[in-house]
Amino acid sequence: MNAGKPVNLEQPAPGPDGREDQVMDAPAIQPRREVRLGREVQARIGQQLRALYDDVVKEGVPEHINDLVRRLSEQDDGAA
């Protein structure tokens, strides 16, 4: 990096070979197409996610987290 050297943003930067008259083409930005999933695909993804996380849900919330949520809720109720 050229520390201390001012940069002129209106001039093109030198190309890979050092020539300042060389301008690199920027890649074209493609607009994003909206992709919609069909109901059957959404249902299948939901089934697989439920199967994957079912054990985690069955574990429940640890008591120290329940206690923390309770104390935070009490603080919110007292501040209102």
PDB file of N, CA and C in Angstrom:
ATOM      1  N   MET A   1       0.841  -1.162   0.000  1.00  0.00           N
ATOM      2  CA  MET A   1       0.000   0.000   0.000  1.00  0.00           C
ATOM      3  C   MET A   1       0.883   1.218   0.000  1.00  0.00           C
ATOM      4  N   ASN A   2       0.451   2.279  -0.627  1.00  0.00           N
ATOM      5  CA  ASN A   2       1.203   3.522  -0.688  1.00  0.00           C
ATOM      6  C   ASN A   2       0.786   4.421   0.464  1.00  0.00           C
ATOM      7  N   ALA A   3       1.400   4.239   1.615  1.00  0.00           N
ATOM      8  CA  ALA A   3       1.049   5.017   2.785  1.00  0.00           C
ATOM      9  C   ALA A   3       1.436   6.471   2.581  1.00  0.00           C
ATOM     10  N   GLY A   4       0.517   7.366   2.885  1.00  0.00           N
ATOM     11  CA  GLY A   4       0.809   8.786   2.791  1.00  0.00           C
ATOM     12  C   GLY A   4       0.600   9.380   1.412  1.00  0.00           C
ATOM     13  N   LYS A   5       0.469   8.570   0.398  1.00  0.00           N
ATOM     14  CA  LYS A   5       0.284   9.073  -0.956  1.00  0.00           C
ATOM     15  C   LYS A   5      -1.204   9.297  -1.194  1.00  0.00           C
ATOM     16  N   PRO A   6      -1.615  10.525  -1.602  1.00  0.00           N
ATOM     17  CA  PRO A   6      -3.035  10.772  -1.821  1.00  0.00           C
ATOM     18  C   PRO A   6      -3.566   9.943  -2.983  1.00  0.00           C
ATOM     19  N   VAL A   7      -4.821   9.572  -2.890  1.00  0.00           N
ATOM     20  CA  VAL A   7      -5.458   8.767  -3.915  1.00  0.00           C
ATOM     21  C   VAL A   7      -6.480   9.630  -4.631  1.00  0.00           C
ATOM     22  N   ASN A   8      -6.402   9.672  -5.951  1.00  0.00           N
ATOM     23  CA  ASN A   8      -7.364  10.416  -6.742  1.00  0.00           C
ATOM     24  C   ASN A   8      -8.423   9.426  -7.212  1.00  0.00           C
ATOM     25  N   LEU A   9      -9.612   9.563  -6.662  1.00  0.00           N
ATOM     26  CA  LEU A   9     -10.669   8.608  -6.984  1.00  0.00           C
ATOM     27  C   LEU A   9     -11.271   8.844  -8.364  1.00  0.00           C
ATOM     28  N   GLU A  10     -10.986  10.007  -8.979  1.00  0.00           N
ATOM     29  CA  GLU A  10     -11.529  10.287 -10.296  1.00  0.00           C
ATOM     30  C   GLU A  10     -10.661   9.699 -11.405  1.00  0.00           C
ATOM     31  N   GLN A  11      -9.447   9.341 -11.108  1.00  0.00           N
ATOM     32  CA  GLN A  11      -8.541   8.751 -12.083  1.00  0.00           C
ATOM     33  C   GLN A  11      -8.626   7.228 -11.976  1.00  0.00           C
ATOM     34  N   PRO A  12      -8.592   6.524 -13.112  1.00  0.00           N
ATOM     35  CA  PRO A  12      -8.586   5.057 -13.020  1.00  0.00           C
ATOM     36  C   PRO A  12      -7.305   4.563 -12.365  1.00  0.00           C
ATOM     37  N   ALA A  13      -7.441   3.513 -11.610  1.00  0.00           N
ATOM     38  CA  ALA A  13      -6.279   2.920 -10.958  1.00  0.00           C
ATOM     39  C   ALA A  13      -5.426   2.216 -12.004  1.00  0.00           C
ATOM     40  N   PRO A  14      -4.135   2.132 -11.756  1.00  0.00           N
ATOM     41  CA  PRO A  14      -3.271   1.419 -12.699  1.00  0.00           C
ATOM     42  C   PRO A  14      -3.702  -0.039 -12.837  1.00  0.00           C
ATOM     43  N   GLY A  15      -3.578  -0.556 -14.040  1.00  0.00           N
ATOM     44  CA  GLY A  15      -3.908  -1.945 -14.303  1.00  0.00           C
ATOM     45  C   GLY A  15      -2.813  -2.865 -13.806  1.00  0.00           C
ATOM     46  N   PRO A  16      -2.947  -4.169 -14.028  1.00  0.00           N
ATOM     47  CA  PRO A  16      -1.959  -5.132 -13.541  1.00  0.00           C
ATOM     48  C   PRO A  16      -0.562  -4.892 -14.097  1.00  0.00           C
ATOM     49  N   ASP A  17      -0.478  -4.290 -15.287  1.00  0.00           N
ATOM     50  CA  ASP A  17       0.846  -4.038 -15.854  1.00  0.00           C
ATOM     51  C   ASP A  17       1.383  -2.663 -15.481  1.00  0.00           C
ATOM     52  N   GLY A  18       0.657  -1.926 -14.603  1.00  0.00           N
ATOM     53  CA  GLY A  18       1.140  -0.637 -14.133  1.00  0.00           C
ATOM     54  C   GLY A  18       0.689   0.550 -14.978  1.00  0.00           C
ATOM     55  N   ARG A  19       0.072   0.313 -16.122  1.00  0.00           N
ATOM     56  CA  ARG A  19      -0.372   1.415 -16.961  1.00  0.00           C
ATOM     57  C   ARG A  19      -1.643   2.020 -16.382  1.00  0.00           C
ATOM     58  N   GLU A  20      -1.641   3.360 -16.272  1.00  0.00           N
ATOM     59  CA  GLU A  20      -2.797   4.029 -15.702  1.00  0.00           C
ATOM     60  C   GLU A  20      -3.941   4.159 -16.695  1.00  0.00           C
ATOM     61  N   ASP A  21      -3.680   3.987 -17.987  1.00  0.00           N
ATOM     62  CA  ASP A  21      -4.736   4.159 -18.972  1.00  0.00           C
ATOM     63  C   ASP A  21      -5.562   2.887 -19.159  1.00  0.00           C
ATOM     64  N   GLN A  22      -5.214   1.843 -18.424  1.00  0.00           N
ATOM     65  CA  GLN A  22      -5.917   0.585 -18.548  1.00  0.00           C
ATOM     66  C   GLN A  22      -7.044   0.541 -17.517  1.00  0.00           C
ATOM     67  N   VAL A  23      -8.277   0.371 -17.973  1.00  0.00           N
ATOM     68  CA  VAL A  23      -9.424   0.314 -17.077  1.00  0.00           C
ATOM     69  C   VAL A  23      -9.960  -1.112 -17.083  1.00  0.00           C
ATOM     70  N   MET A  24     -10.133  -1.658 -15.900  1.00  0.00           N
ATOM     71  CA  MET A  24     -10.634  -3.019 -15.769  1.00  0.00           C
ATOM     72  C   MET A  24     -12.158  -2.973 -15.801  1.00  0.00           C
ATOM     73  N   ASP A  25     -12.788  -3.891 -16.517  1.00  0.00           N
ATOM     74  CA  ASP A  25     -14.245  -3.966 -16.551  1.00  0.00           C
ATOM     75  C   ASP A  25     -14.746  -4.592 -15.256  1.00  0.00           C
ATOM     76  N   ALA A  26     -15.759  -3.959 -14.678  1.00  0.00           N
ATOM     77  CA  ALA A  26     -16.381  -4.506 -13.482  1.00  0.00           C
ATOM     78  C   ALA A  26     -17.342  -5.610 -13.908  1.00  0.00           C
ATOM     79  N   PRO A  27     -17.477  -6.652 -13.102  1.00  0.00           N
ATOM     80  CA  PRO A  27     -18.416  -7.712 -13.454  1.00  0.00           C
ATOM     81  C   PRO A  27     -19.837  -7.157 -13.435  1.00  0.00           C
ATOM     82  N   ALA A  28     -20.647  -7.609 -14.348  1.00  0.00           N
ATOM     83  CA  ALA A  28     -22.029  -7.157 -14.417  1.00  0.00           C
ATOM     84  C   ALA A  28     -22.798  -7.695 -13.215  1.00  0.00           C
ATOM     85  N   ILE A  29     -23.632  -6.850 -12.640  1.00  0.00           N
ATOM     86  CA  ILE A  29     -24.453  -7.258 -11.509  1.00  0.00           C
ATOM     87  C   ILE A  29     -25.768  -7.764 -12.056  1.00  0.00           C
ATOM     88  N   GLN A  30     -26.042  -9.005 -11.772  1.00  0.00           N
ATOM     89  CA  GLN A  30     -27.265  -9.630 -12.245  1.00  0.00           C
ATOM     90  C   GLN A  30     -28.367  -9.415 -11.211  1.00  0.00           C
ATOM     91  N   PRO A  31     -29.563  -9.024 -11.640  1.00  0.00           N
ATOM     92  CA  PRO A  31     -30.651  -8.888 -10.666  1.00  0.00           C
ATOM     93  C   PRO A  31     -31.017 -10.254 -10.108  1.00  0.00           C
ATOM     94  N   ARG A  32     -31.357 -10.272  -8.831  1.00  0.00           N
ATOM     95  CA  ARG A  32     -31.722 -11.532  -8.189  1.00  0.00           C
ATOM     96  C   ARG A  32     -33.146 -11.897  -8.568  1.00  0.00           C
ATOM     97  N   ARG A  33     -33.302 -13.127  -8.963  1.00  0.00           N
ATOM     98  CA  ARG A  33     -34.636 -13.624  -9.250  1.00  0.00           C
ATOM     99  C   ARG A  33     -35.218 -14.201  -7.981  1.00  0.00           C
ATOM    100  N   GLU A  34     -36.488 -13.944  -7.766  1.00  0.00           N
ATOM    101  CA  GLU A  34     -37.148 -14.494  -6.596  1.00  0.00           C
ATOM    102  C   GLU A  34     -37.496 -15.949  -6.877  1.00  0.00           C
ATOM    103  N   VAL A  35     -37.058 -16.821  -5.990  1.00  0.00           N
ATOM    104  CA  VAL A  35     -37.320 -18.246  -6.145  1.00  0.00           C
ATOM    105  C   VAL A  35     -38.348 -18.636  -5.102  1.00  0.00           C
ATOM    106  N   ARG A  36     -39.413 -19.241  -5.558  1.00  0.00           N
ATOM    107  CA  ARG A  36     -40.459 -19.690  -4.638  1.00  0.00           C
ATOM    108  C   ARG A  36     -40.517 -21.210  -4.649  1.00  0.00           C
ATOM    109  N   LEU A  37     -40.618 -21.746  -3.460  1.00  0.00           N
ATOM    110  CA  LEU A  37     -40.723 -23.191  -3.333  1.00  0.00           C
ATOM    111  C   LEU A  37     -42.193 -23.581  -3.281  1.00  0.00           C
ATOM    112  N   GLY A  38     -42.521 -24.682  -3.916  1.00  0.00           N
ATOM    113  CA  GLY A  38     -43.890 -25.184  -3.890  1.00  0.00           C
ATOM    114  C   GLY A  38     -44.275 -25.666  -2.506  1.00  0.00           C
ATOM    115  N   ARG A  39     -45.574 -25.798  -2.287  1.00  0.00           N
ATOM    116  CA  ARG A  39     -46.069 -26.240  -0.974  1.00  0.00           C
ATOM    117  C   ARG A  39     -45.528 -27.604  -0.587  1.00  0.00           C
ATOM    118  N   GLU A  40     -45.423 -28.508  -1.555  1.00  0.00           N
ATOM    119  CA  GLU A  40     -44.928 -29.847  -1.238  1.00  0.00           C
ATOM    120  C   GLU A  40     -43.474 -29.799  -0.780  1.00  0.00           C
ATOM    121  N   VAL A  41     -42.679 -28.967  -1.446  1.00  0.00           N
ATOM    122  CA  VAL A  41     -41.262 -28.839  -1.063  1.00  0.00           C
ATOM    123  C   VAL A  41     -41.157 -28.216   0.318  1.00  0.00           C
ATOM    124  N   GLN A  42     -41.958 -27.166   0.573  1.00  0.00           N
ATOM    125  CA  GLN A  42     -41.940 -26.539   1.897  1.00  0.00           C
ATOM    126  C   GLN A  42     -42.351 -27.531   2.976  1.00  0.00           C
ATOM    127  N   ALA A  43     -43.374 -28.333   2.700  1.00  0.00           N
ATOM    128  CA  ALA A  43     -43.834 -29.323   3.674  1.00  0.00           C
ATOM    129  C   ALA A  43     -42.741 -30.351   3.950  1.00  0.00           C
ATOM    130  N   ARG A  44     -42.062 -30.788   2.905  1.00  0.00           N
ATOM    131  CA  ARG A  44     -40.987 -31.788   3.061  1.00  0.00           C
ATOM    132  C   ARG A  44     -39.827 -31.211   3.876  1.00  0.00           C
ATOM    133  N   ILE A  45     -39.464 -29.972   3.605  1.00  0.00           N
ATOM    134  CA  ILE A  45     -38.393 -29.320   4.384  1.00  0.00           C
ATOM    135  C   ILE A  45     -38.814 -29.219   5.846  1.00  0.00           C
ATOM    136  N   GLY A  46     -40.079 -28.846   6.086  1.00  0.00           N
ATOM    137  CA  GLY A  46     -40.579 -28.757   7.458  1.00  0.00           C
ATOM    138  C   GLY A  46     -40.512 -30.087   8.174  1.00  0.00           C
ATOM    139  N   GLN A  47     -40.898 -31.157   7.475  1.00  0.00           N
ATOM    140  CA  GLN A  47     -40.842 -32.496   8.079  1.00  0.00           C
ATOM    141  C   GLN A  47     -39.419 -32.873   8.445  1.00  0.00           C
ATOM    142  N   GLN A  48     -38.501 -32.596   7.540  1.00  0.00           N
ATOM    143  CA  GLN A  48     -37.103 -32.959   7.800  1.00  0.00           C
ATOM    144  C   GLN A  48     -36.517 -32.131   8.937  1.00  0.00           C
ATOM    145  N   LEU A  49     -36.863 -30.844   9.004  1.00  0.00           N
ATOM    146  CA  LEU A  49     -36.367 -30.017  10.106  1.00  0.00           C
ATOM    147  C   LEU A  49     -36.938 -30.475  11.441  1.00  0.00           C
ATOM    148  N   ARG A  50     -38.234 -30.815  11.460  1.00  0.00           N
ATOM    149  CA  ARG A  50     -38.828 -31.319  12.699  1.00  0.00           C
ATOM    150  C   ARG A  50     -38.156 -32.621  13.140  1.00  0.00           C
ATOM    151  N   ALA A  51     -37.894 -33.511  12.202  1.00  0.00           N
ATOM    152  CA  ALA A  51     -37.233 -34.774  12.534  1.00  0.00           C
ATOM    153  C   ALA A  51     -35.820 -34.517  13.054  1.00  0.00           C
ATOM    154  N   LEU A  52     -35.152 -33.554  12.452  1.00  0.00           N
ATOM    155  CA  LEU A  52     -33.777 -33.257  12.847  1.00  0.00           C
ATOM    156  C   LEU A  52     -33.705 -32.655  14.248  1.00  0.00           C
ATOM    157  N   TYR A  53     -34.637 -31.746  14.571  1.00  0.00           N
ATOM    158  CA  TYR A  53     -34.567 -31.016  15.837  1.00  0.00           C
ATOM    159  C   TYR A  53     -35.520 -31.543  16.897  1.00  0.00           C
ATOM    160  N   ASP A  54     -36.207 -32.632  16.631  1.00  0.00           N
ATOM    161  CA  ASP A  54     -37.163 -33.183  17.586  1.00  0.00           C
ATOM    162  C   ASP A  54     -36.516 -33.500  18.926  1.00  0.00           C
ATOM    163  N   ASP A  55     -35.353 -34.108  18.910  1.00  0.00           N
ATOM    164  CA  ASP A  55     -34.666 -34.442  20.163  1.00  0.00           C
ATOM    165  C   ASP A  55     -34.313 -33.193  20.960  1.00  0.00           C
ATOM    166  N   VAL A  56     -33.916 -32.141  20.269  1.00  0.00           N
ATOM    167  CA  VAL A  56     -33.560 -30.891  20.952  1.00  0.00           C
ATOM    168  C   VAL A  56     -34.791 -30.302  21.629  1.00  0.00           C
ATOM    169  N   VAL A  57     -35.927 -30.330  20.947  1.00  0.00           N
ATOM    170  CA  VAL A  57     -37.168 -29.806  21.513  1.00  0.00           C
ATOM    171  C   VAL A  57     -37.575 -30.618  22.734  1.00  0.00           C
ATOM    172  N   LYS A  58     -37.406 -31.935  22.664  1.00  0.00           N
ATOM    173  CA  LYS A  58     -37.782 -32.806  23.780  1.00  0.00           C
ATOM    174  C   LYS A  58     -36.925 -32.573  25.021  1.00  0.00           C
ATOM    175  N   GLU A  59     -35.701 -32.065  24.829  1.00  0.00           N
ATOM    176  CA  GLU A  59     -34.826 -31.799  25.973  1.00  0.00           C
ATOM    177  C   GLU A  59     -35.410 -30.727  26.881  1.00  0.00           C
ATOM    178  N   GLY A  60     -36.170 -29.826  26.317  1.00  0.00           N
ATOM    179  CA  GLY A  60     -36.740 -28.749  27.121  1.00  0.00           C
ATOM    180  C   GLY A  60     -35.715 -27.649  27.370  1.00  0.00           C
ATOM    181  N   VAL A  61     -36.162 -26.677  28.141  1.00  0.00           N
ATOM    182  CA  VAL A  61     -35.316 -25.519  28.445  1.00  0.00           C
ATOM    183  C   VAL A  61     -34.641 -25.767  29.791  1.00  0.00           C
ATOM    184  N   PRO A  62     -33.322 -25.587  29.871  1.00  0.00           N
ATOM    185  CA  PRO A  62     -32.628 -25.776  31.149  1.00  0.00           C
ATOM    186  C   PRO A  62     -33.171 -24.819  32.225  1.00  0.00           C
ATOM    187  N   GLU A  63     -33.164 -25.275  33.451  1.00  0.00           N
ATOM    188  CA  GLU A  63     -33.733 -24.497  34.554  1.00  0.00           C
ATOM    189  C   GLU A  63     -33.083 -23.129  34.704  1.00  0.00           C
ATOM    190  N   HIS A  64     -31.774 -23.025  34.484  1.00  0.00           N
ATOM    191  CA  HIS A  64     -31.121 -21.718  34.657  1.00  0.00           C
ATOM    192  C   HIS A  64     -31.592 -20.724  33.593  1.00  0.00           C
ATOM    193  N   ILE A  65     -31.975 -21.208  32.421  1.00  0.00           N
ATOM    194  CA  ILE A  65     -32.517 -20.320  31.390  1.00  0.00           C
ATOM    195  C   ILE A  65     -33.929 -19.885  31.774  1.00  0.00           C
ATOM    196  N   ASN A  66     -34.736 -20.832  32.282  1.00  0.00           N
ATOM    197  CA  ASN A  66     -36.073 -20.476  32.763  1.00  0.00           C
ATOM    198  C   ASN A  66     -35.994 -19.413  33.852  1.00  0.00           C
ATOM    199  N   ASP A  67     -35.044 -19.577  34.758  1.00  0.00           N
ATOM    200  CA  ASP A  67     -34.867 -18.618  35.844  1.00  0.00           C
ATOM    201  C   ASP A  67     -34.472 -17.245  35.297  1.00  0.00           C
ATOM    202  N   LEU A  68     -33.575 -17.233  34.334  1.00  0.00           N
ATOM    203  CA  LEU A  68     -33.140 -15.971  33.736  1.00  0.00           C
ATOM    204  C   LEU A  68     -34.305 -15.265  33.039  1.00  0.00           C
ATOM    205  N   VAL A  69     -35.092 -15.999  32.283  1.00  0.00           N
ATOM    206  CA  VAL A  69     -36.251 -15.422  31.586  1.00  0.00           C
ATOM    207  C   VAL A  69     -37.250 -14.877  32.603  1.00  0.00           C
ATOM    208  N   ARG A  70     -37.474 -15.624  33.686  1.00  0.00           N
ATOM    209  CA  ARG A  70     -38.400 -15.170  34.721  1.00  0.00           C
ATOM    210  C   ARG A  70     -37.924 -13.862  35.340  1.00  0.00           C
ATOM    211  N   ARG A  71     -36.618 -13.785  35.670  1.00  0.00           N
ATOM    212  CA  ARG A  71     -36.096 -12.568  36.286  1.00  0.00           C
ATOM    213  C   ARG A  71     -36.152 -11.375  35.325  1.00  0.00           C
ATOM    214  N   LEU A  72     -35.869 -11.614  34.060  1.00  0.00           N
ATOM    215  CA  LEU A  72     -35.943 -10.531  33.068  1.00  0.00           C
ATOM    216  C   LEU A  72     -37.380 -10.068  32.885  1.00  0.00           C
ATOM    217  N   SER A  73     -38.311 -10.992  32.905  1.00  0.00           N
ATOM    218  CA  SER A  73     -39.737 -10.621  32.781  1.00  0.00           C
ATOM    219  C   SER A  73     -40.178  -9.800  33.979  1.00  0.00           C
ATOM    220  N   GLU A  74     -39.702 -10.172  35.163  1.00  0.00           N
ATOM    221  CA  GLU A  74     -40.028  -9.387  36.364  1.00  0.00           C
ATOM    222  C   GLU A  74     -39.476  -7.975  36.277  1.00  0.00           C
ATOM    223  N   GLN A  75     -38.253  -7.836  35.722  1.00  0.00           N
ATOM    224  CA  GLN A  75     -37.672  -6.500  35.542  1.00  0.00           C
ATOM    225  C   GLN A  75     -38.500  -5.677  34.579  1.00  0.00           C
ATOM    226  N   ASP A  76     -38.936  -6.305  33.484  1.00  0.00           N
ATOM    227  CA  ASP A  76     -39.761  -5.594  32.497  1.00  0.00           C
ATOM    228  C   ASP A  76     -41.088  -5.157  33.110  1.00  0.00           C
ATOM    229  N   ASP A  77     -41.694  -6.031  33.912  1.00  0.00           N
ATOM    230  CA  ASP A  77     -42.971  -5.708  34.549  1.00  0.00           C
ATOM    231  C   ASP A  77     -42.801  -4.560  35.540  1.00  0.00           C
ATOM    232  N   GLY A  78     -41.686  -4.522  36.229  1.00  0.00           N
ATOM    233  CA  GLY A  78     -41.420  -3.453  37.190  1.00  0.00           C
ATOM    234  C   GLY A  78     -41.089  -2.117  36.529  1.00  0.00           C
ATOM    235  N   ALA A  79     -40.549  -2.151  35.335  1.00  0.00           N
ATOM    236  CA  ALA A  79     -40.166  -0.915  34.633  1.00  0.00           C
ATOM    237  C   ALA A  79     -41.339  -0.294  33.913  1.00  0.00           C
ATOM    238  N   ALA A  80     -42.406  -1.053  33.687  1.00  0.00           N
ATOM    239  CA  ALA A  80     -43.524  -0.526  32.902  1.00  0.00           C
ATOM    240  C   ALA A  80     -44.448   0.347  33.717  1.00  0.00           C
TER     241      ALA A  80
END
